[in-house]
Amino acid sequence: MESLASAVWLTIGLVVAGGYLLGSIPFGLIATRLGGAGDIRKIGSGNIGATNVLRSGRKDLAAITLIGDAGKGALAVLLTHLLTNGSPAMIALAGGSAFVGHLFPVWLKFNGGKGVATFYGVLLSAAFPVGALAGLTWIAMAFLFRMSSLAALTAAALAPLFAFAVDAPRPIVVLAAVMAVLIFIRHHENIRRLLKGEEPKIGAKKAEAAPPTPDA
């Protein structure tokens, strides 16, 4: 019995640590540096996510960042699915750890992105219908209002409801809710600007020397 408990705790430790380390890879920073666009933290809002990378004028680097940030969340979930035989609780732990790793990467003094792409990567791999519905929500809102943050906030708010509606396992519903709360917390400046009507549109460029203003 003691050996079984030890094995469970070891698995939990591996899942949490592995998920966090995968999530903490700063693809936006790596892509812009290797792509010759400089340090993304000195461009636009200073955020390392795909939205700010797009403000550098490099759509290719923004696409790489989006795929990388979503992919690391998906990979954490898929590896855990194989390791734990599809345990919903372990999958939720892995996805949540990858998401937290993106928000608070140890390599960048715990100052990471806002987690939107990683949020989708985690949901698409943990509960595909939930991720797909959240993604369609983002696309619809972005098309209508041209604001990445508004689209992300709407999709995040609805994700737990989508998870409940499709009868996803309870750990996945909780995961969607926790990620949604963290996305709202990380977007507090965006929410303030949205209320004031000052939120920039998708694709708007910021001068490299401009003072940072948080984005999605």
C-alpha atoms as a PDB file:
ATOM      1  CA  MET A   1       0.000   0.000   0.000  1.00  0.00           C
ATOM      2  CA  GLU A   2       2.824   2.372   0.896  1.00  0.00           C
ATOM      3  CA  SER A   3       4.609   1.612  -2.366  1.00  0.00           C
ATOM      4  CA  LEU A   4       1.400   2.329  -4.304  1.00  0.00           C
ATOM      5  CA  ALA A   5       1.003   5.690  -2.561  1.00  0.00           C
ATOM      6  CA  SER A   6       4.631   6.517  -3.324  1.00  0.00           C
ATOM      7  CA  ALA A   7       4.098   5.664  -6.990  1.00  0.00           C
ATOM      8  CA  VAL A   8       1.024   7.903  -7.140  1.00  0.00           C
ATOM      9  CA  TRP A   9       2.850  10.838  -5.592  1.00  0.00           C
ATOM     10  CA  LEU A  10       5.820  10.289  -7.888  1.00  0.00           C
ATOM     11  CA  THR A  11       3.488  10.350 -10.888  1.00  0.00           C
ATOM     12  CA  ILE A  12       1.827  13.530  -9.649  1.00  0.00           C
ATOM     13  CA  GLY A  13       5.233  15.137  -9.169  1.00  0.00           C
ATOM     14  CA  LEU A  14       6.357  14.166 -12.669  1.00  0.00           C
ATOM     15  CA  VAL A  15       3.108  15.389 -14.211  1.00  0.00           C
ATOM     16  CA  VAL A  16       3.184  18.753 -12.428  1.00  0.00           C
ATOM     17  CA  ALA A  17       6.908  19.385 -12.933  1.00  0.00           C
ATOM     18  CA  GLY A  18       6.881  18.198 -16.547  1.00  0.00           C
ATOM     19  CA  GLY A  19       3.796  20.226 -17.388  1.00  0.00           C
ATOM     20  CA  TYR A  20       5.215  23.352 -15.778  1.00  0.00           C
ATOM     21  CA  LEU A  21       8.583  23.059 -17.546  1.00  0.00           C
ATOM     22  CA  LEU A  22       6.929  22.518 -20.918  1.00  0.00           C
ATOM     23  CA  GLY A  23       4.598  25.446 -20.344  1.00  0.00           C
ATOM     24  CA  SER A  24       7.441  27.721 -19.288  1.00  0.00           C
ATOM     25  CA  ILE A  25       9.174  27.587 -22.698  1.00  0.00           C
ATOM     26  CA  PRO A  26       8.885  31.208 -23.974  1.00  0.00           C
ATOM     27  CA  PHE A  27       8.254  30.605 -27.670  1.00  0.00           C
ATOM     28  CA  GLY A  28       7.491  34.273 -28.368  1.00  0.00           C
ATOM     29  CA  LEU A  29      10.848  35.399 -27.011  1.00  0.00           C
ATOM     30  CA  ILE A  30      12.739  32.580 -28.741  1.00  0.00           C
ATOM     31  CA  ALA A  31      11.001  33.138 -32.087  1.00  0.00           C
ATOM     32  CA  THR A  32      11.572  36.893 -32.190  1.00  0.00           C
ATOM     33  CA  ARG A  33      15.206  36.621 -31.177  1.00  0.00           C
ATOM     34  CA  LEU A  34      16.046  33.854 -33.631  1.00  0.00           C
ATOM     35  CA  GLY A  35      13.934  35.536 -36.296  1.00  0.00           C
ATOM     36  CA  GLY A  36      15.871  38.794 -36.035  1.00  0.00           C
ATOM     37  CA  ALA A  37      13.022  40.843 -34.568  1.00  0.00           C
ATOM     38  CA  GLY A  38      14.827  41.559 -31.312  1.00  0.00           C
ATOM     39  CA  ASP A  39      13.503  41.161 -27.799  1.00  0.00           C
ATOM     40  CA  ILE A  40       9.693  40.977 -27.872  1.00  0.00           C
ATOM     41  CA  ARG A  41       9.644  42.356 -24.335  1.00  0.00           C
ATOM     42  CA  LYS A  42      10.786  45.696 -25.789  1.00  0.00           C
ATOM     43  CA  ILE A  43       8.103  45.797 -28.482  1.00  0.00           C
ATOM     44  CA  GLY A  44       4.532  47.005 -28.084  1.00  0.00           C
ATOM     45  CA  SER A  45       3.097  45.809 -24.794  1.00  0.00           C
ATOM     46  CA  GLY A  46       6.199  43.835 -23.815  1.00  0.00           C
ATOM     47  CA  ASN A  47       4.100  40.662 -23.620  1.00  0.00           C
ATOM     48  CA  ILE A  48       5.618  37.418 -24.967  1.00  0.00           C
ATOM     49  CA  GLY A  49       2.397  36.143 -26.551  1.00  0.00           C
ATOM     50  CA  ALA A  50       1.425  35.881 -30.218  1.00  0.00           C
ATOM     51  CA  THR A  51      -0.723  39.041 -30.188  1.00  0.00           C
ATOM     52  CA  ASN A  52       2.235  41.200 -29.258  1.00  0.00           C
ATOM     53  CA  VAL A  53       4.575  39.341 -31.611  1.00  0.00           C
ATOM     54  CA  LEU A  54       2.145  40.268 -34.392  1.00  0.00           C
ATOM     55  CA  ARG A  55       2.720  43.920 -33.498  1.00  0.00           C
ATOM     56  CA  SER A  56       6.349  43.485 -34.547  1.00  0.00           C
ATOM     57  CA  GLY A  57       5.052  43.223 -38.107  1.00  0.00           C
ATOM     58  CA  ARG A  58       6.200  39.596 -38.445  1.00  0.00           C
ATOM     59  CA  LYS A  59       3.190  37.390 -39.091  1.00  0.00           C
ATOM     60  CA  ASP A  60       5.441  34.358 -39.498  1.00  0.00           C
ATOM     61  CA  LEU A  61       6.904  34.794 -36.016  1.00  0.00           C
ATOM     62  CA  ALA A  62       3.432  35.375 -34.571  1.00  0.00           C
ATOM     63  CA  ALA A  63       2.260  32.105 -36.151  1.00  0.00           C
ATOM     64  CA  ILE A  64       5.276  30.249 -34.748  1.00  0.00           C
ATOM     65  CA  THR A  65       4.557  31.695 -31.303  1.00  0.00           C
ATOM     66  CA  LEU A  66       0.880  30.744 -31.493  1.00  0.00           C
ATOM     67  CA  ILE A  67       1.659  27.177 -32.556  1.00  0.00           C
ATOM     68  CA  GLY A  68       4.426  26.812 -29.981  1.00  0.00           C
ATOM     69  CA  ASP A  69       2.397  28.184 -27.079  1.00  0.00           C
ATOM     70  CA  ALA A  70      -0.633  26.066 -27.954  1.00  0.00           C
ATOM     71  CA  GLY A  71       1.505  23.038 -28.760  1.00  0.00           C
ATOM     72  CA  LYS A  72       3.287  22.940 -25.421  1.00  0.00           C
ATOM     73  CA  GLY A  73      -0.043  22.810 -23.585  1.00  0.00           C
ATOM     74  CA  ALA A  74      -1.296  20.076 -25.890  1.00  0.00           C
ATOM     75  CA  LEU A  75       1.921  18.097 -25.536  1.00  0.00           C
ATOM     76  CA  ALA A  76       1.773  18.195 -21.741  1.00  0.00           C
ATOM     77  CA  VAL A  77      -1.754  16.781 -21.845  1.00  0.00           C
ATOM     78  CA  LEU A  78      -1.033  14.125 -24.472  1.00  0.00           C
ATOM     79  CA  LEU A  79       2.092  12.853 -22.727  1.00  0.00           C
ATOM     80  CA  THR A  80       0.170  12.632 -19.467  1.00  0.00           C
ATOM     81  CA  HIS A  81      -2.636  10.775 -21.221  1.00  0.00           C
ATOM     82  CA  LEU A  82      -0.118   8.135 -22.285  1.00  0.00           C
ATOM     83  CA  LEU A  83       1.654   8.054 -18.919  1.00  0.00           C
ATOM     84  CA  THR A  84      -1.481   7.758 -16.766  1.00  0.00           C
ATOM     85  CA  ASN A  85      -3.780   5.797 -19.059  1.00  0.00           C
ATOM     86  CA  GLY A  86      -6.056   8.789 -19.616  1.00  0.00           C
ATOM     87  CA  SER A  87      -6.712   9.791 -16.006  1.00  0.00           C
ATOM     88  CA  PRO A  88      -8.851  12.982 -16.144  1.00  0.00           C
ATOM     89  CA  ALA A  89      -7.416  14.212 -12.840  1.00  0.00           C
ATOM     90  CA  MET A  90      -3.828  13.785 -14.007  1.00  0.00           C
ATOM     91  CA  ILE A  91      -4.632  15.337 -17.373  1.00  0.00           C
ATOM     92  CA  ALA A  92      -6.137  18.356 -15.607  1.00  0.00           C
ATOM     93  CA  LEU A  93      -3.031  18.631 -13.422  1.00  0.00           C
ATOM     94  CA  ALA A  94      -0.734  18.490 -16.444  1.00  0.00           C
ATOM     95  CA  GLY A  95      -2.741  21.025 -18.436  1.00  0.00           C
ATOM     96  CA  GLY A  96      -3.047  23.356 -15.478  1.00  0.00           C
ATOM     97  CA  SER A  97       0.680  23.101 -14.760  1.00  0.00           C
ATOM     98  CA  ALA A  98       1.568  23.906 -18.374  1.00  0.00           C
ATOM     99  CA  PHE A  99      -0.792  26.878 -18.276  1.00  0.00           C
ATOM    100  CA  VAL A 100       0.753  28.179 -15.033  1.00  0.00           C
ATOM    101  CA  GLY A 101       4.216  27.606 -16.509  1.00  0.00           C
ATOM    102  CA  HIS A 102       3.357  29.912 -19.390  1.00  0.00           C
ATOM    103  CA  LEU A 103       2.014  32.592 -17.062  1.00  0.00           C
ATOM    104  CA  PHE A 104       4.902  32.360 -14.595  1.00  0.00           C
ATOM    105  CA  PRO A 105       8.005  30.918 -16.321  1.00  0.00           C
ATOM    106  CA  VAL A 106      10.988  30.481 -14.043  1.00  0.00           C
ATOM    107  CA  TRP A 107      13.309  31.482 -16.917  1.00  0.00           C
ATOM    108  CA  LEU A 108      11.774  34.972 -17.150  1.00  0.00           C
ATOM    109  CA  LYS A 109      11.564  35.720 -13.424  1.00  0.00           C
ATOM    110  CA  PHE A 110       7.970  34.413 -13.400  1.00  0.00           C
ATOM    111  CA  ASN A 111       6.811  37.160 -15.788  1.00  0.00           C
ATOM    112  CA  GLY A 112       5.238  35.332 -18.715  1.00  0.00           C
ATOM    113  CA  GLY A 113       2.349  35.653 -21.124  1.00  0.00           C
ATOM    114  CA  LYS A 114      -1.382  35.768 -20.603  1.00  0.00           C
ATOM    115  CA  GLY A 115      -2.005  32.164 -21.496  1.00  0.00           C
ATOM    116  CA  VAL A 116      -4.606  32.353 -24.260  1.00  0.00           C
ATOM    117  CA  ALA A 117      -2.874  30.111 -26.826  1.00  0.00           C
ATOM    118  CA  THR A 118      -1.810  27.639 -24.137  1.00  0.00           C
ATOM    119  CA  PHE A 119      -5.395  27.652 -22.842  1.00  0.00           C
ATOM    120  CA  TYR A 120      -6.624  26.493 -26.256  1.00  0.00           C
ATOM    121  CA  GLY A 121      -3.876  23.914 -26.649  1.00  0.00           C
ATOM    122  CA  VAL A 122      -4.735  22.393 -23.276  1.00  0.00           C
ATOM    123  CA  LEU A 123      -8.473  22.318 -23.924  1.00  0.00           C
ATOM    124  CA  LEU A 124      -8.220  20.947 -27.453  1.00  0.00           C
ATOM    125  CA  SER A 125      -6.125  18.010 -26.262  1.00  0.00           C
ATOM    126  CA  ALA A 126      -7.905  17.437 -22.931  1.00  0.00           C
ATOM    127  CA  ALA A 127     -11.489  17.767 -24.217  1.00  0.00           C
ATOM    128  CA  PHE A 128     -11.599  18.501 -27.941  1.00  0.00           C
ATOM    129  CA  PRO A 129     -15.262  19.623 -28.136  1.00  0.00           C
ATOM    130  CA  VAL A 130     -14.639  22.170 -25.363  1.00  0.00           C
ATOM    131  CA  GLY A 131     -11.515  23.531 -27.049  1.00  0.00           C
ATOM    132  CA  ALA A 132     -13.247  23.645 -30.426  1.00  0.00           C
ATOM    133  CA  LEU A 133     -16.243  25.541 -29.042  1.00  0.00           C
ATOM    134  CA  ALA A 134     -13.947  27.985 -27.228  1.00  0.00           C
ATOM    135  CA  GLY A 135     -11.925  28.450 -30.415  1.00  0.00           C
ATOM    136  CA  LEU A 136     -15.041  29.122 -32.488  1.00  0.00           C
ATOM    137  CA  THR A 137     -16.136  31.653 -29.877  1.00  0.00           C
ATOM    138  CA  TRP A 138     -12.787  33.446 -30.190  1.00  0.00           C
ATOM    139  CA  ILE A 139     -13.017  33.498 -33.983  1.00  0.00           C
ATOM    140  CA  ALA A 140     -16.576  34.867 -33.946  1.00  0.00           C
ATOM    141  CA  MET A 141     -15.788  37.596 -31.406  1.00  0.00           C
ATOM    142  CA  ALA A 142     -12.533  38.555 -33.119  1.00  0.00           C
ATOM    143  CA  PHE A 143     -14.324  38.789 -36.470  1.00  0.00           C
ATOM    144  CA  LEU A 144     -17.085  40.957 -35.029  1.00  0.00           C
ATOM    145  CA  PHE A 145     -15.060  43.275 -32.788  1.00  0.00           C
ATOM    146  CA  ARG A 146     -11.400  42.935 -33.950  1.00  0.00           C
ATOM    147  CA  MET A 147     -10.194  42.778 -30.341  1.00  0.00           C
ATOM    148  CA  SER A 148      -8.089  39.819 -29.283  1.00  0.00           C
ATOM    149  CA  SER A 149      -8.589  40.419 -25.578  1.00  0.00           C
ATOM    150  CA  LEU A 150     -12.385  40.627 -25.817  1.00  0.00           C
ATOM    151  CA  ALA A 151     -12.465  37.451 -27.877  1.00  0.00           C
ATOM    152  CA  ALA A 152     -10.208  35.649 -25.388  1.00  0.00           C
ATOM    153  CA  LEU A 153     -12.163  36.802 -22.349  1.00  0.00           C
ATOM    154  CA  THR A 154     -15.472  35.730 -23.868  1.00  0.00           C
ATOM    155  CA  ALA A 155     -14.132  32.312 -24.855  1.00  0.00           C
ATOM    156  CA  ALA A 156     -12.543  31.815 -21.429  1.00  0.00           C
ATOM    157  CA  ALA A 157     -15.766  32.749 -19.626  1.00  0.00           C
ATOM    158  CA  LEU A 158     -17.788  30.301 -21.698  1.00  0.00           C
ATOM    159  CA  ALA A 159     -15.288  27.411 -21.606  1.00  0.00           C
ATOM    160  CA  PRO A 160     -16.421  25.992 -18.224  1.00  0.00           C
ATOM    161  CA  LEU A 161     -20.029  26.140 -19.435  1.00  0.00           C
ATOM    162  CA  PHE A 162     -19.036  24.320 -22.623  1.00  0.00           C
ATOM    163  CA  ALA A 163     -17.237  21.676 -20.536  1.00  0.00           C
ATOM    164  CA  PHE A 164     -20.319  21.200 -18.377  1.00  0.00           C
ATOM    165  CA  ALA A 165     -22.629  21.110 -21.397  1.00  0.00           C
ATOM    166  CA  VAL A 166     -20.688  18.342 -23.163  1.00  0.00           C
ATOM    167  CA  ASP A 167     -20.488  16.359 -19.904  1.00  0.00           C
ATOM    168  CA  ALA A 168     -16.696  16.549 -19.666  1.00  0.00           C
ATOM    169  CA  PRO A 169     -15.133  14.867 -16.596  1.00  0.00           C
ATOM    170  CA  ARG A 170     -15.319  17.033 -13.495  1.00  0.00           C
ATOM    171  CA  PRO A 171     -11.520  17.638 -13.348  1.00  0.00           C
ATOM    172  CA  ILE A 172     -11.699  19.089 -16.865  1.00  0.00           C
ATOM    173  CA  VAL A 173     -14.608  21.362 -15.917  1.00  0.00           C
ATOM    174  CA  VAL A 174     -12.594  22.579 -12.915  1.00  0.00           C
ATOM    175  CA  LEU A 175      -9.504  23.039 -15.107  1.00  0.00           C
ATOM    176  CA  ALA A 176     -11.465  25.171 -17.593  1.00  0.00           C
ATOM    177  CA  ALA A 177     -12.846  27.291 -14.750  1.00  0.00           C
ATOM    178  CA  VAL A 178      -9.455  27.815 -13.085  1.00  0.00           C
ATOM    179  CA  MET A 179      -7.799  28.784 -16.374  1.00  0.00           C
ATOM    180  CA  ALA A 180     -10.670  31.172 -17.109  1.00  0.00           C
ATOM    181  CA  VAL A 181     -10.222  32.905 -13.752  1.00  0.00           C
ATOM    182  CA  LEU A 182      -6.470  33.263 -14.315  1.00  0.00           C
ATOM    183  CA  ILE A 183      -7.031  34.638 -17.820  1.00  0.00           C
ATOM    184  CA  PHE A 184      -9.358  37.294 -16.415  1.00  0.00           C
ATOM    185  CA  ILE A 185      -6.806  38.180 -13.731  1.00  0.00           C
ATOM    186  CA  ARG A 186      -4.001  38.442 -16.294  1.00  0.00           C
ATOM    187  CA  HIS A 187      -6.216  40.623 -18.506  1.00  0.00           C
ATOM    188  CA  HIS A 188      -7.202  43.138 -15.826  1.00  0.00           C
ATOM    189  CA  GLU A 189      -5.575  46.008 -17.734  1.00  0.00           C
ATOM    190  CA  ASN A 190      -7.322  44.932 -20.939  1.00  0.00           C
ATOM    191  CA  ILE A 191     -10.641  44.874 -19.102  1.00  0.00           C
ATOM    192  CA  ARG A 192     -10.013  48.414 -17.858  1.00  0.00           C
ATOM    193  CA  ARG A 193      -9.241  49.601 -21.399  1.00  0.00           C
ATOM    194  CA  LEU A 194     -12.232  47.767 -22.834  1.00  0.00           C
ATOM    195  CA  LEU A 195     -14.505  49.577 -20.394  1.00  0.00           C
ATOM    196  CA  LYS A 196     -12.929  52.881 -21.449  1.00  0.00           C
ATOM    197  CA  GLY A 197     -13.092  52.062 -25.165  1.00  0.00           C
ATOM    198  CA  GLU A 198      -9.308  52.264 -25.477  1.00  0.00           C
ATOM    199  CA  GLU A 199      -8.406  48.665 -26.323  1.00  0.00           C
ATOM    200  CA  PRO A 200      -6.310  48.378 -29.535  1.00  0.00           C
ATOM    201  CA  LYS A 201      -7.543  46.378 -32.494  1.00  0.00           C
ATOM    202  CA  ILE A 202      -5.964  43.158 -33.752  1.00  0.00           C
ATOM    203  CA  GLY A 203      -2.875  43.877 -35.848  1.00  0.00           C
ATOM    204  CA  ALA A 204      -2.314  47.370 -34.467  1.00  0.00           C
ATOM    205  CA  LYS A 205       1.398  48.128 -34.302  1.00  0.00           C
ATOM    206  CA  LYS A 206       3.196  49.784 -31.452  1.00  0.00           C
ATOM    207  CA  ALA A 207       6.434  51.661 -31.789  1.00  0.00           C
ATOM    208  CA  GLU A 208       9.335  49.716 -30.333  1.00  0.00           C
ATOM    209  CA  ALA A 209      10.210  52.575 -28.049  1.00  0.00           C
ATOM    210  CA  ALA A 210       6.656  53.097 -26.830  1.00  0.00           C
ATOM    211  CA  PRO A 211       5.991  52.470 -23.156  1.00  0.00           C
ATOM    212  CA  PRO A 212       4.612  48.978 -22.545  1.00  0.00           C
ATOM    213  CA  THR A 213       0.860  48.560 -22.209  1.00  0.00           C
ATOM    214  CA  PRO A 214      -0.475  45.049 -21.461  1.00  0.00           C
ATOM    215  CA  ASP A 215      -2.349  43.221 -24.177  1.00  0.00           C
ATOM    216  CA  ALA A 216      -3.942  39.850 -24.762  1.00  0.00           C
END
